[in-house]
Amino acid sequence: MFLRKLAVVALPLLGLLGMASLADAAGAAGYWGLTAWGLGAGALLSLLPMAAGESRGHMPFGRWLCLPAALLCAVLILQGLGRLAMPTLLTQAAEAILAGALIGTAARAW
């Protein structure tokens, strides 16, 4: 039981440390690097409830989360291509993290 509690605390912190260590490299890679970093961070964020022991509960509309995730990814792609106004780095990272979290949550619902 202690090892499970330790894993619930330690694994998300190790994932956070890993993602934080990649943030500088992603920022240096430019827009697409930071977007990929945000998508990965969001996907890891969506796994936190499972790491804490949440069972695979029934999510009746979980599959529909693919639609806002696709919309956010389309906005990120259009911003990267320069067709929409470029956001600040914080806004871009927040959009990418939210899109990654939606993708991860929708994937768990399948």
PDB file of N, CA and C in Angstrom:
ATOM      1  N   MET A   1       0.821  -1.200   0.000  1.00  0.00           N
ATOM      2  CA  MET A   1       0.000   0.000   0.000  1.00  0.00           C
ATOM      3  C   MET A   1       0.865   1.265   0.000  1.00  0.00           C
ATOM      4  N   PHE A   2       1.960   1.213   0.774  1.00  0.00           N
ATOM      5  CA  PHE A   2       2.852   2.366   0.816  1.00  0.00           C
ATOM      6  C   PHE A   2       3.492   2.626  -0.544  1.00  0.00           C
ATOM      7  N   LEU A   3       3.870   1.561  -1.246  1.00  0.00           N
ATOM      8  CA  LEU A   3       4.493   1.730  -2.555  1.00  0.00           C
ATOM      9  C   LEU A   3       3.514   2.343  -3.555  1.00  0.00           C
ATOM     10  N   ARG A   4       2.238   1.982  -3.445  1.00  0.00           N
ATOM     11  CA  ARG A   4       1.238   2.566  -4.348  1.00  0.00           C
ATOM     12  C   ARG A   4       1.085   4.054  -4.075  1.00  0.00           C
ATOM     13  N   LYS A   5       1.038   4.422  -2.797  1.00  0.00           N
ATOM     14  CA  LYS A   5       0.940   5.843  -2.451  1.00  0.00           C
ATOM     15  C   LYS A   5       2.190   6.595  -2.900  1.00  0.00           C
ATOM     16  N   LEU A   6       3.329   5.960  -2.742  1.00  0.00           N
ATOM     17  CA  LEU A   6       4.571   6.584  -3.176  1.00  0.00           C
ATOM     18  C   LEU A   6       4.571   6.784  -4.697  1.00  0.00           C
ATOM     19  N   ALA A   7       4.070   5.791  -5.409  1.00  0.00           N
ATOM     20  CA  ALA A   7       4.008   5.904  -6.870  1.00  0.00           C
ATOM     21  C   ALA A   7       3.041   7.001  -7.301  1.00  0.00           C
ATOM     22  N   VAL A   8       1.930   7.152  -6.580  1.00  0.00           N
ATOM     23  CA  VAL A   8       0.950   8.186  -6.921  1.00  0.00           C
ATOM     24  C   VAL A   8       1.554   9.570  -6.758  1.00  0.00           C
ATOM     25  N   VAL A   9       2.432   9.732  -5.783  1.00  0.00           N
ATOM     26  CA  VAL A   9       3.061  11.032  -5.565  1.00  0.00           C
ATOM     27  C   VAL A   9       4.285  11.201  -6.459  1.00  0.00           C
ATOM     28  N   ALA A  10       5.099  10.175  -6.565  1.00  0.00           N
ATOM     29  CA  ALA A  10       6.392  10.303  -7.233  1.00  0.00           C
ATOM     30  C   ALA A  10       6.279  10.329  -8.757  1.00  0.00           C
ATOM     31  N   LEU A  11       5.433   9.502  -9.337  1.00  0.00           N
ATOM     32  CA  LEU A  11       5.368   9.425 -10.799  1.00  0.00           C
ATOM     33  C   LEU A  11       4.922  10.741 -11.448  1.00  0.00           C
ATOM     34  N   PRO A  12       3.873  11.400 -10.953  1.00  0.00           N
ATOM     35  CA  PRO A  12       3.534  12.697 -11.564  1.00  0.00           C
ATOM     36  C   PRO A  12       4.633  13.739 -11.378  1.00  0.00           C
ATOM     37  N   LEU A  13       5.316  13.716 -10.232  1.00  0.00           N
ATOM     38  CA  LEU A  13       6.401  14.669 -10.024  1.00  0.00           C
ATOM     39  C   LEU A  13       7.566  14.392 -10.962  1.00  0.00           C
ATOM     40  N   LEU A  14       7.872  13.123 -11.203  1.00  0.00           N
ATOM     41  CA  LEU A  14       8.923  12.785 -12.151  1.00  0.00           C
ATOM     42  C   LEU A  14       8.533  13.191 -13.573  1.00  0.00           C
ATOM     43  N   GLY A  15       7.258  12.981 -13.928  1.00  0.00           N
ATOM     44  CA  GLY A  15       6.779  13.423 -15.243  1.00  0.00           C
ATOM     45  C   GLY A  15       6.851  14.930 -15.386  1.00  0.00           C
ATOM     46  N   LEU A  16       6.489  15.652 -14.315  1.00  0.00           N
ATOM     47  CA  LEU A  16       6.566  17.110 -14.335  1.00  0.00           C
ATOM     48  C   LEU A  16       8.011  17.570 -14.471  1.00  0.00           C
ATOM     49  N   LEU A  17       8.911  16.927 -13.757  1.00  0.00           N
ATOM     50  CA  LEU A  17      10.330  17.269 -13.855  1.00  0.00           C
ATOM     51  C   LEU A  17      10.854  17.010 -15.266  1.00  0.00           C
ATOM     52  N   GLY A  18      10.444  15.891 -15.864  1.00  0.00           N
ATOM     53  CA  GLY A  18      10.860  15.585 -17.232  1.00  0.00           C
ATOM     54  C   GLY A  18      10.337  16.593 -18.233  1.00  0.00           C
ATOM     55  N   MET A  19       9.065  16.972 -18.089  1.00  0.00           N
ATOM     56  CA  MET A  19       8.498  17.957 -19.015  1.00  0.00           C
ATOM     57  C   MET A  19       9.124  19.332 -18.800  1.00  0.00           C
ATOM     58  N   ALA A  20       9.425  19.687 -17.546  1.00  0.00           N
ATOM     59  CA  ALA A  20      10.051  20.980 -17.281  1.00  0.00           C
ATOM     60  C   ALA A  20      11.467  21.032 -17.860  1.00  0.00           C
ATOM     61  N   SER A  21      12.160  19.898 -17.827  1.00  0.00           N
ATOM     62  CA  SER A  21      13.516  19.886 -18.382  1.00  0.00           C
ATOM     63  C   SER A  21      13.503  19.998 -19.901  1.00  0.00           C
ATOM     64  N   LEU A  22      12.412  19.605 -20.520  1.00  0.00           N
ATOM     65  CA  LEU A  22      12.303  19.713 -21.975  1.00  0.00           C
ATOM     66  C   LEU A  22      11.776  21.073 -22.436  1.00  0.00           C
ATOM     67  N   ALA A  23      11.312  21.900 -21.506  1.00  0.00           N
ATOM     68  CA  ALA A  23      10.686  23.168 -21.884  1.00  0.00           C
ATOM     69  C   ALA A  23      11.674  24.105 -22.565  1.00  0.00           C
ATOM     70  N   ASP A  24      12.901  24.174 -22.063  1.00  0.00           N
ATOM     71  CA  ASP A  24      13.873  25.066 -22.687  1.00  0.00           C
ATOM     72  C   ASP A  24      14.213  24.620 -24.106  1.00  0.00           C
ATOM     73  N   ALA A  25      14.397  23.321 -24.274  1.00  0.00           N
ATOM     74  CA  ALA A  25      14.706  22.806 -25.610  1.00  0.00           C
ATOM     75  C   ALA A  25      13.526  23.015 -26.554  1.00  0.00           C
ATOM     76  N   ALA A  26      12.310  22.844 -26.039  1.00  0.00           N
ATOM     77  CA  ALA A  26      11.131  23.052 -26.872  1.00  0.00           C
ATOM     78  C   ALA A  26      10.994  24.520 -27.251  1.00  0.00           C
ATOM     79  N   GLY A  27      11.277  25.422 -26.316  1.00  0.00           N
ATOM     80  CA  GLY A  27      11.209  26.846 -26.614  1.00  0.00           C
ATOM     81  C   GLY A  27      12.252  27.256 -27.636  1.00  0.00           C
ATOM     82  N   ALA A  28      13.418  26.613 -27.567  1.00  0.00           N
ATOM     83  CA  ALA A  28      14.473  26.924 -28.538  1.00  0.00           C
ATOM     84  C   ALA A  28      14.137  26.397 -29.922  1.00  0.00           C
ATOM     85  N   ALA A  29      13.293  25.373 -29.991  1.00  0.00           N
ATOM     86  CA  ALA A  29      12.910  24.792 -31.279  1.00  0.00           C
ATOM     87  C   ALA A  29      11.875  25.643 -32.000  1.00  0.00           C
ATOM     88  N   GLY A  30      11.370  26.671 -31.344  1.00  0.00           N
ATOM     89  CA  GLY A  30      10.425  27.577 -31.986  1.00  0.00           C
ATOM     90  C   GLY A  30       8.979  27.200 -31.705  1.00  0.00           C
ATOM     91  N   TYR A  31       8.128  27.710 -32.553  1.00  0.00           N
ATOM     92  CA  TYR A  31       6.687  27.556 -32.364  1.00  0.00           C
ATOM     93  C   TYR A  31       6.265  26.098 -32.307  1.00  0.00           C
ATOM     94  N   TRP A  32       6.722  25.301 -33.266  1.00  0.00           N
ATOM     95  CA  TRP A  32       6.273  23.912 -33.347  1.00  0.00           C
ATOM     96  C   TRP A  32       6.819  23.078 -32.187  1.00  0.00           C
ATOM     97  N   GLY A  33       8.020  23.386 -31.742  1.00  0.00           N
ATOM     98  CA  GLY A  33       8.580  22.674 -30.600  1.00  0.00           C
ATOM     99  C   GLY A  33       7.788  22.930 -29.330  1.00  0.00           C
ATOM    100  N   LEU A  34       7.420  24.191 -29.115  1.00  0.00           N
ATOM    101  CA  LEU A  34       6.627  24.527 -27.935  1.00  0.00           C
ATOM    102  C   LEU A  34       5.223  23.946 -28.033  1.00  0.00           C
ATOM    103  N   THR A  35       4.668  23.903 -29.227  1.00  0.00           N
ATOM    104  CA  THR A  35       3.353  23.292 -29.404  1.00  0.00           C
ATOM    105  C   THR A  35       3.403  21.793 -29.109  1.00  0.00           C
ATOM    106  N   ALA A  36       4.410  21.111 -29.608  1.00  0.00           N
ATOM    107  CA  ALA A  36       4.558  19.678 -29.325  1.00  0.00           C
ATOM    108  C   ALA A  36       4.787  19.443 -27.846  1.00  0.00           C
ATOM    109  N   TRP A  37       5.559  20.315 -27.198  1.00  0.00           N
ATOM    110  CA  TRP A  37       5.779  20.191 -25.764  1.00  0.00           C
ATOM    111  C   TRP A  37       4.456  20.346 -25.014  1.00  0.00           C
ATOM    112  N   GLY A  38       3.640  21.318 -25.399  1.00  0.00           N
ATOM    113  CA  GLY A  38       2.355  21.533 -24.743  1.00  0.00           C
ATOM    114  C   GLY A  38       1.403  20.363 -24.929  1.00  0.00           C
ATOM    115  N   LEU A  39       1.385  19.797 -26.136  1.00  0.00           N
ATOM    116  CA  LEU A  39       0.529  18.629 -26.366  1.00  0.00           C
ATOM    117  C   LEU A  39       0.964  17.452 -25.496  1.00  0.00           C
ATOM    118  N   GLY A  40       2.260  17.243 -25.377  1.00  0.00           N
ATOM    119  CA  GLY A  40       2.764  16.167 -24.520  1.00  0.00           C
ATOM    120  C   GLY A  40       2.471  16.415 -23.058  1.00  0.00           C
ATOM    121  N   ALA A  41       2.633  17.662 -22.608  1.00  0.00           N
ATOM    122  CA  ALA A  41       2.337  18.000 -21.213  1.00  0.00           C
ATOM    123  C   ALA A  41       0.850  17.811 -20.917  1.00  0.00           C
ATOM    124  N   GLY A  42       0.001  18.187 -21.839  1.00  0.00           N
ATOM    125  CA  GLY A  42      -1.438  17.996 -21.639  1.00  0.00           C
ATOM    126  C   GLY A  42      -1.826  16.536 -21.605  1.00  0.00           C
ATOM    127  N   ALA A  43      -1.210  15.736 -22.455  1.00  0.00           N
ATOM    128  CA  ALA A  43      -1.495  14.301 -22.440  1.00  0.00           C
ATOM    129  C   ALA A  43      -1.059  13.681 -21.111  1.00  0.00           C
ATOM    130  N   LEU A  44       0.099  14.095 -20.593  1.00  0.00           N
ATOM    131  CA  LEU A  44       0.523  13.607 -19.277  1.00  0.00           C
ATOM    132  C   LEU A  44      -0.421  14.098 -18.188  1.00  0.00           C
ATOM    133  N   LEU A  45      -0.904  15.319 -18.321  1.00  0.00           N
ATOM    134  CA  LEU A  45      -1.839  15.868 -17.351  1.00  0.00           C
ATOM    135  C   LEU A  45      -3.137  15.061 -17.314  1.00  0.00           C
ATOM    136  N   SER A  46      -3.585  14.585 -18.453  1.00  0.00           N
ATOM    137  CA  SER A  46      -4.829  13.810 -18.488  1.00  0.00           C
ATOM    138  C   SER A  46      -4.662  12.438 -17.859  1.00  0.00           C
ATOM    139  N   LEU A  47      -3.426  11.979 -17.691  1.00  0.00           N
ATOM    140  CA  LEU A  47      -3.182  10.675 -17.065  1.00  0.00           C
ATOM    141  C   LEU A  47      -3.090  10.743 -15.546  1.00  0.00           C
ATOM    142  N   LEU A  48      -3.058  11.931 -14.971  1.00  0.00           N
ATOM    143  CA  LEU A  48      -2.928  12.055 -13.527  1.00  0.00           C
ATOM    144  C   LEU A  48      -4.055  11.371 -12.744  1.00  0.00           C
ATOM    145  N   PRO A  49      -5.324  11.495 -13.143  1.00  0.00           N
ATOM    146  CA  PRO A  49      -6.351  10.781 -12.381  1.00  0.00           C
ATOM    147  C   PRO A  49      -6.150   9.262 -12.388  1.00  0.00           C
ATOM    148  N   MET A  50      -5.675   8.716 -13.499  1.00  0.00           N
ATOM    149  CA  MET A  50      -5.416   7.278 -13.536  1.00  0.00           C
ATOM    150  C   MET A  50      -4.267   6.911 -12.614  1.00  0.00           C
ATOM    151  N   ALA A  51      -3.237   7.748 -12.540  1.00  0.00           N
ATOM    152  CA  ALA A  51      -2.104   7.489 -11.659  1.00  0.00           C
ATOM    153  C   ALA A  51      -2.528   7.558 -10.198  1.00  0.00           C
ATOM    154  N   ALA A  52      -3.548   8.349  -9.903  1.00  0.00           N
ATOM    155  CA  ALA A  52      -4.037   8.477  -8.536  1.00  0.00           C
ATOM    156  C   ALA A  52      -4.982   7.353  -8.153  1.00  0.00           C
ATOM    157  N   GLY A  53      -5.261   6.448  -9.063  1.00  0.00           N
ATOM    158  CA  GLY A  53      -6.072   5.286  -8.730  1.00  0.00           C
ATOM    159  C   GLY A  53      -7.503   5.346  -9.201  1.00  0.00           C
ATOM    160  N   GLU A  54      -7.856   6.325 -10.001  1.00  0.00           N
ATOM    161  CA  GLU A  54      -9.222   6.392 -10.510  1.00  0.00           C
ATOM    162  C   GLU A  54      -9.452   5.216 -11.450  1.00  0.00           C
ATOM    163  N   SER A  55     -10.544   4.537 -11.224  1.00  0.00           N
ATOM    164  CA  SER A  55     -10.860   3.424 -12.124  1.00  0.00           C
ATOM    165  C   SER A  55     -11.379   3.981 -13.435  1.00  0.00           C
ATOM    166  N   ARG A  56     -11.409   3.154 -14.413  1.00  0.00           N
ATOM    167  CA  ARG A  56     -11.885   3.586 -15.736  1.00  0.00           C
ATOM    168  C   ARG A  56     -13.403   3.701 -15.680  1.00  0.00           C
ATOM    169  N   GLY A  57     -13.844   4.848 -15.202  1.00  0.00           N
ATOM    170  CA  GLY A  57     -15.269   5.095 -15.066  1.00  0.00           C
ATOM    171  C   GLY A  57     -15.917   5.354 -16.413  1.00  0.00           C
ATOM    172  N   HIS A  58     -17.230   5.286 -16.441  1.00  0.00           N
ATOM    173  CA  HIS A  58     -17.970   5.507 -17.679  1.00  0.00           C
ATOM    174  C   HIS A  58     -18.059   7.004 -17.936  1.00  0.00           C
ATOM    175  N   MET A  59     -17.563   7.430 -19.077  1.00  0.00           N
ATOM    176  CA  MET A  59     -17.644   8.827 -19.494  1.00  0.00           C
ATOM    177  C   MET A  59     -18.552   8.872 -20.719  1.00  0.00           C
ATOM    178  N   PRO A  60     -19.831   9.189 -20.531  1.00  0.00           N
ATOM    179  CA  PRO A  60     -20.779   9.052 -21.633  1.00  0.00           C
ATOM    180  C   PRO A  60     -20.461   9.920 -22.852  1.00  0.00           C
ATOM    181  N   PHE A  61     -19.925  11.090 -22.660  1.00  0.00           N
ATOM    182  CA  PHE A  61     -19.654  11.978 -23.789  1.00  0.00           C
ATOM    183  C   PHE A  61     -18.161  12.218 -23.964  1.00  0.00           C
ATOM    184  N   GLY A  62     -17.345  11.333 -23.437  1.00  0.00           N
ATOM    185  CA  GLY A  62     -15.897  11.499 -23.505  1.00  0.00           C
ATOM    186  C   GLY A  62     -15.359  11.513 -24.916  1.00  0.00           C
ATOM    187  N   ARG A  63     -15.969  10.753 -25.793  1.00  0.00           N
ATOM    188  CA  ARG A  63     -15.497  10.715 -27.183  1.00  0.00           C
ATOM    189  C   ARG A  63     -15.716  12.033 -27.901  1.00  0.00           C
ATOM    190  N   TRP A  64     -16.686  12.805 -27.442  1.00  0.00           N
ATOM    191  CA  TRP A  64     -16.968  14.085 -28.073  1.00  0.00           C
ATOM    192  C   TRP A  64     -15.895  15.124 -27.777  1.00  0.00           C
ATOM    193  N   LEU A  65     -14.998  14.819 -26.828  1.00  0.00           N
ATOM    194  CA  LEU A  65     -13.899  15.743 -26.541  1.00  0.00           C
ATOM    195  C   LEU A  65     -12.928  15.836 -27.707  1.00  0.00           C
ATOM    196  N   CYS A  66     -13.035  14.918 -28.659  1.00  0.00           N
ATOM    197  CA  CYS A  66     -12.188  14.992 -29.856  1.00  0.00           C
ATOM    198  C   CYS A  66     -12.495  16.245 -30.672  1.00  0.00           C
ATOM    199  N   LEU A  67     -13.736  16.712 -30.648  1.00  0.00           N
ATOM    200  CA  LEU A  67     -14.107  17.889 -31.438  1.00  0.00           C
ATOM    201  C   LEU A  67     -13.433  19.166 -30.952  1.00  0.00           C
ATOM    202  N   PRO A  68     -13.517  19.509 -29.637  1.00  0.00           N
ATOM    203  CA  PRO A  68     -12.787  20.712 -29.231  1.00  0.00           C
ATOM    204  C   PRO A  68     -11.272  20.541 -29.332  1.00  0.00           C
ATOM    205  N   ALA A  69     -10.781  19.319 -29.155  1.00  0.00           N
ATOM    206  CA  ALA A  69      -9.342  19.071 -29.311  1.00  0.00           C
ATOM    207  C   ALA A  69      -8.924  19.318 -30.753  1.00  0.00           C
ATOM    208  N   ALA A  70      -9.714  18.857 -31.710  1.00  0.00           N
ATOM    209  CA  ALA A  70      -9.402  19.084 -33.121  1.00  0.00           C
ATOM    210  C   ALA A  70      -9.475  20.564 -33.458  1.00  0.00           C
ATOM    211  N   LEU A  71     -10.448  21.268 -32.900  1.00  0.00           N
ATOM    212  CA  LEU A  71     -10.564  22.701 -33.136  1.00  0.00           C
ATOM    213  C   LEU A  71      -9.340  23.449 -32.582  1.00  0.00           C
ATOM    214  N   LEU A  72      -8.916  23.093 -31.375  1.00  0.00           N
ATOM    215  CA  LEU A  72      -7.731  23.736 -30.803  1.00  0.00           C
ATOM    216  C   LEU A  72      -6.479  23.411 -31.615  1.00  0.00           C
ATOM    217  N   CYS A  73      -6.350  22.172 -32.069  1.00  0.00           N
ATOM    218  CA  CYS A  73      -5.199  21.808 -32.902  1.00  0.00           C
ATOM    219  C   CYS A  73      -5.217  22.572 -34.218  1.00  0.00           C
ATOM    220  N   ALA A  74      -6.411  22.763 -34.800  1.00  0.00           N
ATOM    221  CA  ALA A  74      -6.514  23.540 -36.038  1.00  0.00           C
ATOM    222  C   ALA A  74      -6.108  24.989 -35.805  1.00  0.00           C
ATOM    223  N   VAL A  75      -6.514  25.566 -34.667  1.00  0.00           N
ATOM    224  CA  VAL A  75      -6.115  26.937 -34.339  1.00  0.00           C
ATOM    225  C   VAL A  75      -4.603  27.018 -34.174  1.00  0.00           C
ATOM    226  N   LEU A  76      -4.008  26.025 -33.495  1.00  0.00           N
ATOM    227  CA  LEU A  76      -2.557  26.020 -33.313  1.00  0.00           C
ATOM    228  C   LEU A  76      -1.830  25.919 -34.656  1.00  0.00           C
ATOM    229  N   ILE A  77      -2.349  25.085 -35.540  1.00  0.00           N
ATOM    230  CA  ILE A  77      -1.725  24.933 -36.858  1.00  0.00           C
ATOM    231  C   ILE A  77      -1.844  26.226 -37.662  1.00  0.00           C
ATOM    232  N   LEU A  78      -3.020  26.854 -37.643  1.00  0.00           N
ATOM    233  CA  LEU A  78      -3.199  28.117 -38.369  1.00  0.00           C
ATOM    234  C   LEU A  78      -2.320  29.223 -37.791  1.00  0.00           C
ATOM    235  N   GLN A  79      -2.150  29.231 -36.472  1.00  0.00           N
ATOM    236  CA  GLN A  79      -1.257  30.224 -35.867  1.00  0.00           C
ATOM    237  C   GLN A  79       0.185  29.959 -36.284  1.00  0.00           C
ATOM    238  N   GLY A  80       0.559  28.695 -36.348  1.00  0.00           N
ATOM    239  CA  GLY A  80       1.915  28.362 -36.766  1.00  0.00           C
ATOM    240  C   GLY A  80       2.191  28.718 -38.205  1.00  0.00           C
ATOM    241  N   LEU A  81       1.186  28.626 -39.049  1.00  0.00           N
ATOM    242  CA  LEU A  81       1.343  28.979 -40.453  1.00  0.00           C
ATOM    243  C   LEU A  81       1.248  30.487 -40.690  1.00  0.00           C
ATOM    244  N   GLY A  82       0.912  31.224 -39.643  1.00  0.00           N
ATOM    245  CA  GLY A  82       0.857  32.678 -39.755  1.00  0.00           C
ATOM    246  C   GLY A  82      -0.460  33.202 -40.275  1.00  0.00           C
ATOM    247  N   ARG A  83      -1.468  32.380 -40.357  1.00  0.00           N
ATOM    248  CA  ARG A  83      -2.761  32.834 -40.879  1.00  0.00           C
ATOM    249  C   ARG A  83      -3.613  33.503 -39.809  1.00  0.00           C
ATOM    250  N   LEU A  84      -3.324  33.200 -38.538  1.00  0.00           N
ATOM    251  CA  LEU A  84      -3.995  33.876 -37.426  1.00  0.00           C
ATOM    252  C   LEU A  84      -2.943  34.638 -36.646  1.00  0.00           C
ATOM    253  N   ALA A  85      -3.387  35.596 -35.853  1.00  0.00           N
ATOM    254  CA  ALA A  85      -2.435  36.383 -35.061  1.00  0.00           C
ATOM    255  C   ALA A  85      -1.673  35.467 -34.106  1.00  0.00           C
ATOM    256  N   MET A  86      -0.376  35.682 -34.005  1.00  0.00           N
ATOM    257  CA  MET A  86       0.455  34.860 -33.128  1.00  0.00           C
ATOM    258  C   MET A  86       0.170  35.219 -31.673  1.00  0.00           C
ATOM    259  N   PRO A  87      -0.065  34.232 -30.838  1.00  0.00           N
ATOM    260  CA  PRO A  87      -0.309  34.518 -29.424  1.00  0.00           C
ATOM    261  C   PRO A  87       1.010  34.699 -28.674  1.00  0.00           C
ATOM    262  N   THR A  88       0.916  35.101 -27.439  1.00  0.00           N
ATOM    263  CA  THR A  88       2.105  35.109 -26.600  1.00  0.00           C
ATOM    264  C   THR A  88       2.487  33.661 -26.314  1.00  0.00           C
ATOM    265  N   LEU A  89       3.695  33.457 -25.835  1.00  0.00           N
ATOM    266  CA  LEU A  89       4.155  32.093 -25.564  1.00  0.00           C
ATOM    267  C   LEU A  89       3.300  31.423 -24.507  1.00  0.00           C
ATOM    268  N   LEU A  90       2.855  32.183 -23.504  1.00  0.00           N
ATOM    269  CA  LEU A  90       2.024  31.600 -22.452  1.00  0.00           C
ATOM    270  C   LEU A  90       0.684  31.151 -23.007  1.00  0.00           C
ATOM    271  N   THR A  91       0.092  31.950 -23.874  1.00  0.00           N
ATOM    272  CA  THR A  91      -1.184  31.584 -24.481  1.00  0.00           C
ATOM    273  C   THR A  91      -1.022  30.360 -25.376  1.00  0.00           C
ATOM    274  N   GLN A  92       0.056  30.327 -26.141  1.00  0.00           N
ATOM    275  CA  GLN A  92       0.303  29.182 -27.019  1.00  0.00           C
ATOM    276  C   GLN A  92       0.496  27.910 -26.212  1.00  0.00           C
ATOM    277  N   ALA A  93       1.271  27.987 -25.141  1.00  0.00           N
ATOM    278  CA  ALA A  93       1.492  26.809 -24.304  1.00  0.00           C
ATOM    279  C   ALA A  93       0.193  26.372 -23.650  1.00  0.00           C
ATOM    280  N   ALA A  94      -0.621  27.328 -23.199  1.00  0.00           N
ATOM    281  CA  ALA A  94      -1.896  26.976 -22.569  1.00  0.00           C
ATOM    282  C   ALA A  94      -2.837  26.297 -23.567  1.00  0.00           C
ATOM    283  N   GLU A  95      -2.894  26.806 -24.792  1.00  0.00           N
ATOM    284  CA  GLU A  95      -3.726  26.177 -25.823  1.00  0.00           C
ATOM    285  C   GLU A  95      -3.251  24.757 -26.105  1.00  0.00           C
ATOM    286  N   ALA A  96      -1.951  24.577 -26.212  1.00  0.00           N
ATOM    287  CA  ALA A  96      -1.411  23.252 -26.516  1.00  0.00           C
ATOM    288  C   ALA A  96      -1.620  22.282 -25.360  1.00  0.00           C
ATOM    289  N   ILE A  97      -1.465  22.750 -24.130  1.00  0.00           N
ATOM    290  CA  ILE A  97      -1.685  21.880 -22.971  1.00  0.00           C
ATOM    291  C   ILE A  97      -3.150  21.471 -22.896  1.00  0.00           C
ATOM    292  N   LEU A  98      -4.061  22.413 -23.125  1.00  0.00           N
ATOM    293  CA  LEU A  98      -5.491  22.077 -23.101  1.00  0.00           C
ATOM    294  C   LEU A  98      -5.837  21.094 -24.212  1.00  0.00           C
ATOM    295  N   ALA A  99      -5.295  21.301 -25.401  1.00  0.00           N
ATOM    296  CA  ALA A  99      -5.560  20.369 -26.504  1.00  0.00           C
ATOM    297  C   ALA A  99      -5.026  18.981 -26.178  1.00  0.00           C
ATOM    298  N   GLY A 100      -3.829  18.906 -25.604  1.00  0.00           N
ATOM    299  CA  GLY A 100      -3.273  17.615 -25.223  1.00  0.00           C
ATOM    300  C   GLY A 100      -4.087  16.928 -24.151  1.00  0.00           C
ATOM    301  N   ALA A 101      -4.576  17.696 -23.186  1.00  0.00           N
ATOM    302  CA  ALA A 101      -5.406  17.115 -22.131  1.00  0.00           C
ATOM    303  C   ALA A 101      -6.718  16.581 -22.706  1.00  0.00           C
ATOM    304  N   LEU A 102      -7.313  17.328 -23.622  1.00  0.00           N
ATOM    305  CA  LEU A 102      -8.548  16.861 -24.255  1.00  0.00           C
ATOM    306  C   LEU A 102      -8.311  15.593 -25.070  1.00  0.00           C
ATOM    307  N   ILE A 103      -7.204  15.555 -25.788  1.00  0.00           N
ATOM    308  CA  ILE A 103      -6.887  14.364 -26.578  1.00  0.00           C
ATOM    309  C   ILE A 103      -6.682  13.159 -25.677  1.00  0.00           C
ATOM    310  N   GLY A 104      -5.937  13.346 -24.588  1.00  0.00           N
ATOM    311  CA  GLY A 104      -5.700  12.246 -23.654  1.00  0.00           C
ATOM    312  C   GLY A 104      -6.968  11.760 -22.979  1.00  0.00           C
ATOM    313  N   THR A 105      -7.837  12.690 -22.581  1.00  0.00           N
ATOM    314  CA  THR A 105      -9.089  12.307 -21.939  1.00  0.00           C
ATOM    315  C   THR A 105     -10.007  11.585 -22.925  1.00  0.00           C
ATOM    316  N   ALA A 106     -10.068  12.079 -24.153  1.00  0.00           N
ATOM    317  CA  ALA A 106     -10.894  11.418 -25.166  1.00  0.00           C
ATOM    318  C   ALA A 106     -10.352  10.028 -25.482  1.00  0.00           C
ATOM    319  N   ALA A 107      -9.030   9.889 -25.499  1.00  0.00           N
ATOM    320  CA  ALA A 107      -8.443   8.568 -25.762  1.00  0.00           C
ATOM    321  C   ALA A 107      -8.771   7.587 -24.660  1.00  0.00           C
ATOM    322  N   ARG A 108      -8.849   8.082 -23.404  1.00  0.00           N
ATOM    323  CA  ARG A 108      -9.219   7.181 -22.305  1.00  0.00           C
ATOM    324  C   ARG A 108     -10.678   6.746 -22.401  1.00  0.00           C
ATOM    325  N   ALA A 109     -11.520   7.576 -23.043  1.00  0.00           N
ATOM    326  CA  ALA A 109     -12.930   7.235 -23.151  1.00  0.00           C
ATOM    327  C   ALA A 109     -13.197   6.168 -24.200  1.00  0.00           C
ATOM    328  N   TRP A 110     -12.270   5.990 -25.133  1.00  0.00           N
ATOM    329  CA  TRP A 110     -12.473   4.977 -26.164  1.00  0.00           C
ATOM    330  C   TRP A 110     -12.350   3.657 -25.523  1.00  0.00           C
TER     331      TRP A 110
END
